[in-house]
N, C-alpha and C. Protein backbone atom coordinates (compact mmCIF):
# COMPACT_ATOMS: atom_id res chain seq x y z
N MET A 1 -3.70 20.14 31.95
CA MET A 1 -4.82 19.44 31.31
C MET A 1 -6.06 19.50 32.21
N SER A 2 -7.17 19.90 31.62
CA SER A 2 -8.40 20.01 32.40
C SER A 2 -8.93 18.61 32.74
N GLU A 3 -9.87 18.58 33.68
CA GLU A 3 -10.46 17.30 34.08
C GLU A 3 -11.18 16.63 32.91
N ALA A 4 -11.85 17.46 32.08
CA ALA A 4 -12.57 16.93 30.91
C ALA A 4 -11.59 16.37 29.89
N ASP A 5 -10.49 17.10 29.65
CA ASP A 5 -9.47 16.64 28.70
C ASP A 5 -8.80 15.36 29.19
N GLN A 6 -8.55 15.30 30.51
CA GLN A 6 -7.93 14.10 31.09
C GLN A 6 -8.85 12.89 30.93
N LYS A 7 -10.13 13.12 31.14
CA LYS A 7 -11.10 12.03 30.99
C LYS A 7 -11.14 11.54 29.55
N LYS A 8 -11.14 12.49 28.60
CA LYS A 8 -11.17 12.12 27.19
C LYS A 8 -9.91 11.35 26.81
N TYR A 9 -8.76 11.82 27.32
CA TYR A 9 -7.48 11.13 27.05
C TYR A 9 -7.50 9.72 27.60
N ASP A 10 -7.97 9.58 28.83
CA ASP A 10 -8.01 8.26 29.47
C ASP A 10 -8.93 7.30 28.71
N GLU A 11 -10.06 7.82 28.25
CA GLU A 11 -11.00 7.00 27.49
C GLU A 11 -10.39 6.56 26.16
N THR A 12 -9.70 7.48 25.50
CA THR A 12 -9.05 7.16 24.21
C THR A 12 -7.96 6.12 24.42
N ALA A 13 -7.15 6.30 25.48
CA ALA A 13 -6.07 5.36 25.78
C ALA A 13 -6.62 3.98 26.11
N ALA A 14 -7.71 3.95 26.87
CA ALA A 14 -8.32 2.68 27.25
C ALA A 14 -8.86 1.94 26.04
N LYS A 15 -9.48 2.69 25.12
CA LYS A 15 -10.02 2.08 23.90
C LYS A 15 -8.89 1.54 23.03
N ALA A 16 -7.80 2.32 22.91
CA ALA A 16 -6.65 1.89 22.10
C ALA A 16 -6.05 0.60 22.68
N LYS A 17 -5.97 0.52 24.01
CA LYS A 17 -5.43 -0.67 24.66
C LYS A 17 -6.34 -1.88 24.42
N ALA A 18 -7.65 -1.65 24.54
CA ALA A 18 -8.62 -2.74 24.32
C ALA A 18 -8.59 -3.21 22.88
N ASP A 19 -8.49 -2.27 21.95
CA ASP A 19 -8.43 -2.62 20.52
C ASP A 19 -7.18 -3.43 20.22
N ARG A 20 -6.05 -3.03 20.82
CA ARG A 20 -4.80 -3.76 20.58
C ARG A 20 -4.89 -5.18 21.14
N GLU A 21 -5.43 -5.30 22.34
CA GLU A 21 -5.56 -6.63 22.96
C GLU A 21 -6.46 -7.53 22.13
N LYS A 22 -7.52 -6.96 21.59
CA LYS A 22 -8.43 -7.74 20.74
C LYS A 22 -7.73 -8.19 19.47
N LEU A 23 -6.96 -7.27 18.84
CA LEU A 23 -6.25 -7.60 17.62
C LEU A 23 -5.19 -8.68 17.87
N VAL A 24 -4.43 -8.52 18.95
CA VAL A 24 -3.40 -9.50 19.28
C VAL A 24 -4.02 -10.88 19.48
N ALA A 25 -5.18 -10.93 20.14
CA ALA A 25 -5.87 -12.21 20.36
C ALA A 25 -6.28 -12.83 19.03
N GLU A 26 -6.76 -12.00 18.11
CA GLU A 26 -7.16 -12.49 16.79
C GLU A 26 -5.95 -13.01 16.02
N LEU A 27 -4.83 -12.28 16.11
CA LEU A 27 -3.62 -12.69 15.40
C LEU A 27 -3.06 -14.00 15.96
N ARG A 28 -3.13 -14.15 17.27
CA ARG A 28 -2.68 -15.40 17.89
C ARG A 28 -3.51 -16.58 17.37
N LEU A 29 -4.80 -16.33 17.22
CA LEU A 29 -5.69 -17.38 16.71
C LEU A 29 -5.35 -17.69 15.25
N ASP A 30 -5.14 -16.63 14.46
CA ASP A 30 -4.78 -16.82 13.04
C ASP A 30 -3.48 -17.61 12.91
N ALA A 31 -2.54 -17.35 13.81
CA ALA A 31 -1.22 -17.99 13.74
C ALA A 31 -1.17 -19.34 14.44
N GLY A 32 -2.23 -19.67 15.21
CA GLY A 32 -2.25 -20.96 15.91
C GLY A 32 -1.30 -21.01 17.10
N ILE A 33 -1.03 -19.87 17.70
CA ILE A 33 -0.03 -19.80 18.77
C ILE A 33 -0.48 -20.51 20.05
N ASP A 34 -1.75 -20.53 20.31
CA ASP A 34 -2.23 -21.16 21.54
C ASP A 34 -2.60 -22.63 21.37
N GLY A 35 -2.24 -23.17 20.22
CA GLY A 35 -2.51 -24.58 19.97
C GLY A 35 -1.47 -25.48 20.61
N ALA A 36 -1.74 -26.78 20.61
CA ALA A 36 -0.86 -27.75 21.26
C ALA A 36 0.50 -27.85 20.58
N ASP A 37 0.58 -27.51 19.29
CA ASP A 37 1.85 -27.65 18.54
C ASP A 37 2.83 -26.52 18.83
N CYS A 38 2.37 -25.46 19.47
CA CYS A 38 3.24 -24.30 19.72
C CYS A 38 3.79 -24.35 21.15
N ASP A 39 5.07 -24.75 21.27
CA ASP A 39 5.69 -24.83 22.60
C ASP A 39 6.25 -23.46 23.00
N ASN A 40 7.04 -23.44 24.07
CA ASN A 40 7.58 -22.18 24.56
C ASN A 40 8.49 -21.49 23.54
N ASP A 41 9.31 -22.29 22.85
CA ASP A 41 10.20 -21.71 21.83
C ASP A 41 9.38 -21.07 20.71
N CYS A 42 8.31 -21.72 20.34
CA CYS A 42 7.41 -21.22 19.31
C CYS A 42 6.81 -19.88 19.73
N LYS A 43 6.39 -19.80 20.99
CA LYS A 43 5.79 -18.56 21.50
C LYS A 43 6.81 -17.42 21.56
N VAL A 44 8.06 -17.75 21.89
CA VAL A 44 9.12 -16.73 21.92
C VAL A 44 9.33 -16.15 20.52
N VAL A 45 9.38 -17.03 19.52
CA VAL A 45 9.55 -16.58 18.14
C VAL A 45 8.38 -15.70 17.73
N TYR A 46 7.18 -16.14 18.09
CA TYR A 46 5.99 -15.36 17.74
C TYR A 46 6.04 -13.96 18.36
N ASN A 47 6.37 -13.89 19.64
CA ASN A 47 6.41 -12.60 20.32
C ASN A 47 7.47 -11.67 19.72
N ASP A 48 8.60 -12.25 19.33
CA ASP A 48 9.65 -11.45 18.69
C ASP A 48 9.16 -10.91 17.35
N GLU A 49 8.48 -11.76 16.59
CA GLU A 49 7.97 -11.36 15.28
C GLU A 49 6.87 -10.30 15.42
N LEU A 50 6.05 -10.45 16.47
CA LEU A 50 4.98 -9.47 16.71
C LEU A 50 5.56 -8.10 17.01
N LEU A 51 6.60 -8.07 17.82
CA LEU A 51 7.25 -6.80 18.16
C LEU A 51 7.87 -6.16 16.92
N LYS A 52 8.53 -6.96 16.09
CA LYS A 52 9.13 -6.45 14.85
C LYS A 52 8.05 -5.88 13.94
N TRP A 53 6.91 -6.56 13.87
CA TRP A 53 5.81 -6.10 13.02
C TRP A 53 5.25 -4.78 13.52
N GLU A 54 5.05 -4.67 14.83
CA GLU A 54 4.50 -3.43 15.39
C GLU A 54 5.42 -2.25 15.13
N LYS A 55 6.72 -2.47 15.23
CA LYS A 55 7.68 -1.40 14.93
C LYS A 55 7.63 -1.03 13.46
N ALA A 56 7.49 -2.03 12.59
CA ALA A 56 7.44 -1.79 11.14
C ALA A 56 6.18 -0.99 10.77
N VAL A 57 5.05 -1.33 11.40
CA VAL A 57 3.80 -0.59 11.15
C VAL A 57 3.95 0.85 11.60
N PHE A 58 4.55 1.04 12.77
CA PHE A 58 4.76 2.40 13.29
C PHE A 58 5.59 3.22 12.31
N GLU A 59 6.67 2.63 11.80
CA GLU A 59 7.54 3.34 10.88
C GLU A 59 6.84 3.62 9.55
N SER A 60 6.05 2.67 9.07
CA SER A 60 5.32 2.86 7.81
C SER A 60 4.32 4.01 7.93
N CYS A 61 3.59 4.03 9.04
CA CYS A 61 2.58 5.07 9.23
C CYS A 61 3.23 6.43 9.50
N LYS A 62 4.38 6.41 10.14
CA LYS A 62 5.11 7.65 10.38
C LYS A 62 5.61 8.23 9.06
N ALA A 63 6.06 7.34 8.17
CA ALA A 63 6.58 7.79 6.87
C ALA A 63 5.47 8.22 5.93
N ASN A 64 4.36 7.48 5.93
CA ASN A 64 3.24 7.78 5.03
C ASN A 64 1.97 7.15 5.57
N GLU A 65 1.16 7.95 6.25
CA GLU A 65 -0.06 7.41 6.85
C GLU A 65 -1.11 7.04 5.82
N LYS A 66 -0.89 7.44 4.56
CA LYS A 66 -1.82 7.12 3.47
C LYS A 66 -1.40 5.87 2.71
N SER A 67 -0.27 5.27 3.07
CA SER A 67 0.20 4.08 2.36
C SER A 67 -0.68 2.89 2.67
N ILE A 68 -0.71 1.92 1.78
CA ILE A 68 -1.52 0.72 1.99
C ILE A 68 -0.98 -0.06 3.19
N GLU A 69 0.34 0.05 3.45
CA GLU A 69 0.94 -0.62 4.60
C GLU A 69 0.41 -0.07 5.92
N CYS A 70 -0.04 1.19 5.89
CA CYS A 70 -0.61 1.80 7.09
C CYS A 70 -2.13 1.66 7.11
N ILE A 71 -2.78 1.93 5.99
CA ILE A 71 -4.24 1.86 5.92
C ILE A 71 -4.76 0.45 6.20
N ASP A 72 -4.11 -0.55 5.59
CA ASP A 72 -4.59 -1.93 5.69
C ASP A 72 -3.61 -2.84 6.41
N PHE A 73 -2.92 -2.31 7.43
CA PHE A 73 -1.90 -3.12 8.11
C PHE A 73 -2.48 -4.36 8.77
N VAL A 74 -3.72 -4.29 9.24
CA VAL A 74 -4.34 -5.45 9.90
C VAL A 74 -4.61 -6.56 8.88
N LYS A 75 -5.17 -6.19 7.73
CA LYS A 75 -5.46 -7.19 6.70
C LYS A 75 -4.19 -7.86 6.20
N ILE A 76 -3.13 -7.07 6.04
CA ILE A 76 -1.86 -7.62 5.58
C ILE A 76 -1.31 -8.61 6.61
N LYS A 77 -1.34 -8.23 7.87
CA LYS A 77 -0.81 -9.09 8.93
C LYS A 77 -1.63 -10.36 9.08
N LYS A 78 -2.96 -10.25 8.99
CA LYS A 78 -3.80 -11.43 9.12
C LYS A 78 -3.51 -12.43 8.00
N ALA A 79 -3.31 -11.93 6.79
CA ALA A 79 -2.98 -12.82 5.68
C ALA A 79 -1.65 -13.51 5.94
N THR A 80 -0.71 -12.76 6.49
CA THR A 80 0.61 -13.32 6.80
C THR A 80 0.52 -14.40 7.86
N GLU A 81 -0.24 -14.15 8.94
CA GLU A 81 -0.32 -15.10 10.03
C GLU A 81 -1.02 -16.39 9.62
N LYS A 82 -2.04 -16.27 8.80
CA LYS A 82 -2.74 -17.47 8.34
C LYS A 82 -1.82 -18.34 7.49
N ALA A 83 -1.00 -17.68 6.65
CA ALA A 83 -0.04 -18.41 5.82
C ALA A 83 1.03 -19.05 6.71
N ARG A 84 1.46 -18.33 7.72
CA ARG A 84 2.50 -18.86 8.62
C ARG A 84 1.99 -20.08 9.38
N LYS A 85 0.73 -20.07 9.76
CA LYS A 85 0.16 -21.23 10.46
C LYS A 85 0.16 -22.44 9.54
N THR A 86 -0.26 -22.23 8.30
CA THR A 86 -0.31 -23.33 7.33
C THR A 86 1.08 -23.88 7.05
N ASP A 87 2.07 -22.99 6.96
CA ASP A 87 3.43 -23.39 6.60
C ASP A 87 4.28 -23.83 7.78
N GLY A 88 3.76 -23.69 9.00
CA GLY A 88 4.54 -24.07 10.17
C GLY A 88 5.70 -23.13 10.45
N PHE A 89 5.49 -21.86 10.20
CA PHE A 89 6.56 -20.87 10.37
C PHE A 89 7.07 -20.82 11.81
N TYR A 90 6.16 -20.79 12.76
CA TYR A 90 6.57 -20.64 14.16
C TYR A 90 7.00 -21.95 14.80
N THR A 91 6.49 -23.05 14.31
CA THR A 91 6.82 -24.34 14.91
C THR A 91 8.09 -24.95 14.31
N GLY A 92 8.54 -24.42 13.18
CA GLY A 92 9.75 -24.95 12.54
C GLY A 92 11.03 -24.32 13.10
N ASP A 93 12.17 -24.69 12.51
CA ASP A 93 13.44 -24.14 12.98
C ASP A 93 13.80 -22.86 12.21
N ALA A 94 14.93 -22.27 12.57
CA ALA A 94 15.36 -21.00 11.98
C ALA A 94 15.58 -21.12 10.47
N ALA A 95 16.14 -22.24 10.04
CA ALA A 95 16.38 -22.44 8.60
C ALA A 95 15.07 -22.47 7.83
N ASN A 96 14.07 -23.10 8.42
CA ASN A 96 12.76 -23.17 7.78
C ASN A 96 12.14 -21.78 7.69
N ARG A 97 12.29 -20.98 8.74
CA ARG A 97 11.74 -19.62 8.73
C ARG A 97 12.42 -18.75 7.68
N THR A 98 13.70 -18.98 7.48
CA THR A 98 14.42 -18.23 6.45
C THR A 98 13.87 -18.55 5.06
N THR A 99 13.66 -19.83 4.81
CA THR A 99 13.11 -20.26 3.52
C THR A 99 11.70 -19.71 3.32
N LEU A 100 10.89 -19.84 4.35
CA LEU A 100 9.51 -19.35 4.26
C LEU A 100 9.46 -17.83 4.15
N GLY A 101 10.46 -17.17 4.72
CA GLY A 101 10.50 -15.71 4.66
C GLY A 101 10.62 -15.20 3.24
N LEU A 102 11.37 -15.91 2.41
CA LEU A 102 11.52 -15.52 1.00
C LEU A 102 10.19 -15.67 0.26
N LYS A 103 9.49 -16.76 0.55
CA LYS A 103 8.16 -16.97 -0.04
C LYS A 103 7.19 -15.90 0.45
N GLU A 104 7.31 -15.54 1.72
CA GLU A 104 6.40 -14.57 2.33
C GLU A 104 6.51 -13.19 1.68
N VAL A 105 7.71 -12.81 1.29
CA VAL A 105 7.92 -11.52 0.64
C VAL A 105 7.06 -11.42 -0.61
N GLU A 106 7.08 -12.47 -1.42
CA GLU A 106 6.30 -12.47 -2.67
C GLU A 106 4.80 -12.51 -2.40
N GLU A 107 4.39 -13.29 -1.41
CA GLU A 107 2.97 -13.38 -1.08
C GLU A 107 2.44 -12.06 -0.52
N THR A 108 3.28 -11.39 0.27
CA THR A 108 2.87 -10.10 0.83
C THR A 108 2.72 -9.06 -0.27
N LYS A 109 3.60 -9.11 -1.27
CA LYS A 109 3.48 -8.20 -2.42
C LYS A 109 2.14 -8.39 -3.12
N LYS A 110 1.73 -9.65 -3.28
CA LYS A 110 0.44 -9.95 -3.93
C LYS A 110 -0.72 -9.44 -3.07
N THR A 111 -0.61 -9.65 -1.77
CA THR A 111 -1.66 -9.19 -0.86
C THR A 111 -1.80 -7.67 -0.94
N LYS A 112 -0.67 -6.98 -0.90
CA LYS A 112 -0.70 -5.51 -0.95
C LYS A 112 -1.23 -5.02 -2.29
N SER A 113 -0.88 -5.72 -3.35
CA SER A 113 -1.36 -5.34 -4.68
C SER A 113 -2.88 -5.46 -4.76
N THR A 114 -3.42 -6.55 -4.20
CA THR A 114 -4.87 -6.77 -4.19
C THR A 114 -5.57 -5.71 -3.36
N LEU A 115 -5.02 -5.42 -2.18
CA LEU A 115 -5.62 -4.41 -1.30
C LEU A 115 -5.54 -3.02 -1.91
N THR A 116 -4.43 -2.74 -2.60
CA THR A 116 -4.25 -1.44 -3.25
C THR A 116 -5.30 -1.25 -4.34
N ALA A 117 -5.47 -2.28 -5.17
CA ALA A 117 -6.46 -2.21 -6.26
C ALA A 117 -7.87 -1.98 -5.70
N ALA A 118 -8.18 -2.68 -4.61
CA ALA A 118 -9.50 -2.53 -3.99
C ALA A 118 -9.69 -1.13 -3.43
N TRP A 119 -8.65 -0.61 -2.80
CA TRP A 119 -8.75 0.74 -2.21
C TRP A 119 -8.92 1.79 -3.30
N LEU A 120 -8.13 1.68 -4.36
CA LEU A 120 -8.22 2.66 -5.44
C LEU A 120 -9.58 2.60 -6.14
N LYS A 121 -10.14 1.41 -6.26
CA LYS A 121 -11.45 1.26 -6.89
C LYS A 121 -12.54 1.91 -6.03
N THR A 122 -12.42 1.76 -4.73
CA THR A 122 -13.41 2.33 -3.81
C THR A 122 -13.26 3.84 -3.66
N ASN A 123 -12.05 4.34 -3.87
CA ASN A 123 -11.76 5.76 -3.64
C ASN A 123 -11.39 6.50 -4.91
N LYS A 124 -12.09 6.22 -5.99
CA LYS A 124 -11.83 6.91 -7.26
C LYS A 124 -12.16 8.40 -7.13
N PRO A 125 -11.27 9.28 -7.63
CA PRO A 125 -11.56 10.72 -7.61
C PRO A 125 -12.78 11.03 -8.49
N ALA A 126 -13.63 11.92 -8.03
CA ALA A 126 -14.82 12.29 -8.78
C ALA A 126 -14.44 13.12 -10.01
N ALA A 127 -15.33 13.16 -10.97
CA ALA A 127 -15.10 13.96 -12.18
C ALA A 127 -14.77 15.39 -11.80
N GLY A 128 -13.75 15.95 -12.45
CA GLY A 128 -13.33 17.31 -12.16
C GLY A 128 -12.18 17.38 -11.18
N LYS A 129 -11.92 16.27 -10.48
CA LYS A 129 -10.83 16.22 -9.51
C LYS A 129 -9.56 15.67 -10.15
N VAL A 130 -8.42 16.04 -9.58
CA VAL A 130 -7.15 15.47 -10.04
C VAL A 130 -7.20 13.96 -9.84
N GLY A 131 -6.83 13.21 -10.87
CA GLY A 131 -6.84 11.76 -10.78
C GLY A 131 -8.10 11.12 -11.32
N SER A 132 -9.07 11.93 -11.74
CA SER A 132 -10.28 11.37 -12.33
C SER A 132 -9.98 10.79 -13.71
N ALA A 133 -10.82 9.86 -14.14
CA ALA A 133 -10.58 9.17 -15.41
C ALA A 133 -10.97 10.04 -16.60
N CYS A 134 -10.30 9.80 -17.73
CA CYS A 134 -10.61 10.50 -18.97
C CYS A 134 -10.23 9.58 -20.14
N SER A 135 -10.60 9.98 -21.34
CA SER A 135 -10.30 9.18 -22.52
C SER A 135 -10.36 10.06 -23.76
N ALA A 136 -10.19 9.45 -24.91
CA ALA A 136 -10.24 10.20 -26.17
C ALA A 136 -11.61 10.80 -26.40
N THR A 137 -12.63 10.19 -25.81
CA THR A 137 -14.00 10.68 -26.00
C THR A 137 -14.56 11.35 -24.75
N GLU A 138 -13.81 11.32 -23.66
CA GLU A 138 -14.27 11.91 -22.41
C GLU A 138 -13.17 12.80 -21.84
N ALA A 139 -13.25 14.09 -22.11
CA ALA A 139 -12.22 15.03 -21.70
C ALA A 139 -12.31 15.35 -20.22
N CYS A 140 -11.23 15.92 -19.68
CA CYS A 140 -11.23 16.38 -18.29
C CYS A 140 -12.17 17.59 -18.19
N THR A 141 -12.90 17.67 -17.11
CA THR A 141 -13.90 18.73 -16.98
C THR A 141 -13.36 19.99 -16.32
N THR A 142 -12.14 19.94 -15.81
CA THR A 142 -11.52 21.11 -15.20
C THR A 142 -10.55 21.73 -16.21
N GLU A 143 -10.67 23.03 -16.42
CA GLU A 143 -9.91 23.72 -17.48
C GLU A 143 -8.40 23.60 -17.32
N THR A 144 -7.93 23.57 -16.09
CA THR A 144 -6.48 23.52 -15.86
C THR A 144 -5.92 22.09 -15.94
N HIS A 145 -6.79 21.11 -16.19
CA HIS A 145 -6.34 19.72 -16.28
C HIS A 145 -6.19 19.28 -17.74
N CYS A 146 -5.42 18.24 -17.93
CA CYS A 146 -5.33 17.61 -19.24
C CYS A 146 -5.39 16.11 -19.05
N CYS A 147 -5.80 15.40 -20.09
CA CYS A 147 -5.90 13.95 -20.04
C CYS A 147 -4.58 13.36 -20.54
N GLY A 148 -4.01 12.46 -19.77
CA GLY A 148 -2.73 11.89 -20.18
C GLY A 148 -2.39 10.62 -19.44
N THR A 149 -1.09 10.35 -19.37
CA THR A 149 -0.59 9.13 -18.75
C THR A 149 0.26 9.46 -17.54
N ALA A 150 0.01 8.79 -16.42
CA ALA A 150 0.80 8.96 -15.21
C ALA A 150 1.78 7.79 -15.11
N THR A 151 3.06 8.12 -15.07
CA THR A 151 4.11 7.10 -15.00
C THR A 151 4.79 7.17 -13.64
N PRO A 152 4.89 6.04 -12.93
CA PRO A 152 5.50 6.06 -11.60
C PRO A 152 6.91 6.63 -11.61
N LYS A 153 7.20 7.45 -10.61
CA LYS A 153 8.57 7.91 -10.44
C LYS A 153 9.40 6.73 -9.95
N LYS A 154 10.69 6.81 -10.07
CA LYS A 154 11.56 5.68 -9.75
C LYS A 154 11.35 5.23 -8.30
N VAL A 155 11.04 3.94 -8.14
CA VAL A 155 10.83 3.36 -6.81
C VAL A 155 11.54 2.02 -6.74
N ALA A 156 11.73 1.54 -5.52
CA ALA A 156 12.34 0.22 -5.34
C ALA A 156 11.42 -0.83 -5.95
N SER A 157 11.99 -1.88 -6.50
CA SER A 157 11.20 -2.90 -7.19
C SER A 157 10.15 -3.52 -6.29
N VAL A 158 10.44 -3.63 -4.99
CA VAL A 158 9.49 -4.24 -4.07
C VAL A 158 8.24 -3.39 -3.91
N ASP A 159 8.36 -2.09 -4.19
CA ASP A 159 7.23 -1.19 -4.06
C ASP A 159 6.71 -0.71 -5.41
N ALA A 160 7.07 -1.40 -6.48
CA ALA A 160 6.71 -0.96 -7.82
C ALA A 160 5.21 -0.89 -8.02
N TYR A 161 4.77 0.08 -8.80
CA TYR A 161 3.35 0.19 -9.15
C TYR A 161 3.23 0.59 -10.61
N ASP A 162 2.05 0.36 -11.18
CA ASP A 162 1.86 0.49 -12.62
C ASP A 162 1.56 1.91 -13.06
N LYS A 163 1.80 2.16 -14.35
CA LYS A 163 1.41 3.44 -14.92
C LYS A 163 -0.10 3.46 -15.11
N ILE A 164 -0.66 4.65 -15.21
CA ILE A 164 -2.11 4.81 -15.35
C ILE A 164 -2.40 5.54 -16.65
N GLU A 165 -3.12 4.91 -17.53
CA GLU A 165 -3.53 5.53 -18.80
C GLU A 165 -4.86 6.25 -18.61
N GLY A 166 -5.00 7.42 -19.23
CA GLY A 166 -6.26 8.14 -19.18
C GLY A 166 -6.59 8.69 -17.81
N ILE A 167 -5.81 9.67 -17.39
CA ILE A 167 -6.03 10.26 -16.07
C ILE A 167 -5.85 11.77 -16.14
N CYS A 168 -6.69 12.51 -15.43
CA CYS A 168 -6.63 13.97 -15.44
C CYS A 168 -5.66 14.48 -14.37
N ALA A 169 -4.83 15.45 -14.76
CA ALA A 169 -3.92 16.09 -13.82
C ALA A 169 -3.61 17.50 -14.31
N ASP A 170 -3.00 18.29 -13.46
CA ASP A 170 -2.68 19.67 -13.80
C ASP A 170 -1.77 19.76 -15.03
N LYS A 171 -2.13 20.60 -15.97
CA LYS A 171 -1.36 20.73 -17.21
C LYS A 171 0.06 21.20 -16.97
N LYS A 172 0.24 22.14 -16.04
CA LYS A 172 1.55 22.77 -15.85
C LYS A 172 2.48 21.98 -14.94
N LEU A 173 1.94 21.31 -13.95
CA LEU A 173 2.80 20.63 -12.98
C LEU A 173 3.55 19.44 -13.57
N GLY A 174 2.85 18.65 -14.40
CA GLY A 174 3.49 17.47 -14.98
C GLY A 174 3.71 16.37 -13.97
N THR A 175 2.99 16.43 -12.86
CA THR A 175 3.10 15.40 -11.82
C THR A 175 1.71 15.02 -11.32
N TYR A 176 1.66 13.89 -10.64
CA TYR A 176 0.40 13.42 -10.05
C TYR A 176 0.74 12.59 -8.82
N THR A 177 -0.01 12.78 -7.75
CA THR A 177 0.14 11.98 -6.54
C THR A 177 -1.22 11.35 -6.23
N ASP A 178 -1.26 10.02 -6.14
CA ASP A 178 -2.54 9.36 -5.92
C ASP A 178 -2.94 9.37 -4.44
N GLY A 179 -4.09 8.78 -4.14
CA GLY A 179 -4.62 8.79 -2.79
C GLY A 179 -3.78 8.04 -1.78
N LEU A 180 -2.84 7.23 -2.26
CA LEU A 180 -1.94 6.50 -1.38
C LEU A 180 -0.58 7.19 -1.27
N LYS A 181 -0.54 8.45 -1.75
CA LYS A 181 0.67 9.27 -1.70
C LYS A 181 1.82 8.70 -2.53
N ARG A 182 1.48 8.05 -3.64
CA ARG A 182 2.51 7.55 -4.55
C ARG A 182 2.67 8.57 -5.67
N ASP A 183 3.92 8.86 -6.00
CA ASP A 183 4.20 9.94 -6.96
C ASP A 183 4.41 9.44 -8.39
N TYR A 184 3.88 10.22 -9.32
CA TYR A 184 3.98 9.92 -10.75
C TYR A 184 4.41 11.18 -11.51
N THR A 185 4.98 10.98 -12.70
CA THR A 185 5.09 12.07 -13.65
C THR A 185 3.84 11.96 -14.52
N HIS A 186 3.34 13.10 -15.00
CA HIS A 186 2.12 13.08 -15.80
C HIS A 186 2.37 13.79 -17.12
N GLU A 187 2.07 13.11 -18.22
CA GLU A 187 2.28 13.67 -19.54
C GLU A 187 0.94 13.78 -20.26
N CYS A 188 0.60 14.99 -20.67
CA CYS A 188 -0.66 15.21 -21.37
C CYS A 188 -0.68 14.42 -22.67
N GLY A 189 -1.85 13.95 -23.05
CA GLY A 189 -1.98 13.15 -24.26
C GLY A 189 -1.49 13.88 -25.49
N ALA A 190 -1.79 15.17 -25.60
CA ALA A 190 -1.38 15.96 -26.77
C ALA A 190 0.13 16.02 -26.88
N LYS A 191 0.79 16.18 -25.73
CA LYS A 191 2.26 16.23 -25.73
C LYS A 191 2.84 14.90 -26.18
N ALA A 192 2.21 13.82 -25.70
CA ALA A 192 2.71 12.49 -26.06
C ALA A 192 2.58 12.27 -27.56
N LEU A 193 1.44 12.69 -28.13
CA LEU A 193 1.23 12.54 -29.56
C LEU A 193 2.21 13.38 -30.35
N LEU A 194 2.46 14.60 -29.85
CA LEU A 194 3.38 15.49 -30.52
C LEU A 194 4.78 14.91 -30.52
N ALA A 195 5.18 14.36 -29.39
CA ALA A 195 6.50 13.78 -29.29
C ALA A 195 6.63 12.60 -30.25
N SER A 196 5.57 11.78 -30.32
CA SER A 196 5.58 10.63 -31.22
C SER A 196 5.67 11.08 -32.67
N ALA A 197 4.89 12.11 -33.04
CA ALA A 197 4.91 12.60 -34.41
C ALA A 197 6.27 13.17 -34.76
N THR A 198 6.87 13.87 -33.81
CA THR A 198 8.20 14.46 -34.04
C THR A 198 9.23 13.37 -34.27
N ALA A 199 9.13 12.29 -33.48
CA ALA A 199 10.08 11.19 -33.62
C ALA A 199 9.96 10.53 -34.99
N VAL A 200 8.72 10.34 -35.44
CA VAL A 200 8.49 9.74 -36.76
C VAL A 200 9.05 10.64 -37.86
N PHE A 201 8.79 11.94 -37.75
CA PHE A 201 9.28 12.89 -38.75
C PHE A 201 10.81 12.86 -38.83
N ALA A 202 11.44 12.84 -37.64
CA ALA A 202 12.90 12.82 -37.61
C ALA A 202 13.45 11.54 -38.23
N ALA A 203 12.79 10.42 -37.93
CA ALA A 203 13.27 9.14 -38.45
C ALA A 203 13.18 9.13 -39.99
N VAL A 204 12.04 9.63 -40.54
CA VAL A 204 11.86 9.66 -41.97
C VAL A 204 12.85 10.62 -42.63
N PHE A 205 13.04 11.79 -42.03
CA PHE A 205 13.91 12.81 -42.57
C PHE A 205 15.36 12.36 -42.66
N LEU A 206 15.78 11.56 -41.65
CA LEU A 206 17.19 11.16 -41.59
C LEU A 206 17.48 9.89 -42.39
N MET A 207 16.45 9.27 -42.96
CA MET A 207 16.67 8.03 -43.72
C MET A 207 17.39 8.34 -45.04
């Protein structure tokens, strides 16, 4: 490594360390860890939870750096810590943390859903791009695209996401992947109508 490269590496490492220390300080404040109510046992629990969270963020970003868990990990954690402070997560006993943990799962899902909606709204694909909006009166502007419905591929219920009506995607692929790397099947509107008409014809014919 050259002297210039070493200097750049050291500067990057120093900034990353400073950023982490700043974030940890903010999270401690959000969680109320340095307050009078948080004794040594409380701090031990907090430190254990912080380590678990850091490992979880690392794994999420390693698996999908475009996921909302990776993109907005700070916002998600801050919401969690503020709720934990209000609920006495760190100052209570293990049984209380277990009960609050179940509530936290649902609240985190809501937080991620809100952040996901905000991210998708801010990062809408431009006209002509895969994922751009379309309708019965506004066709896709790219010849190889068709307007249709994107249906989520099978996912765990905790990570469930909604189908998207009126979206442009490649006619031949029959799939769509959004900006958060979530996978969908994509069915062109004409195909959907044809399938519906065929079903009606069959039902009438067999009566």
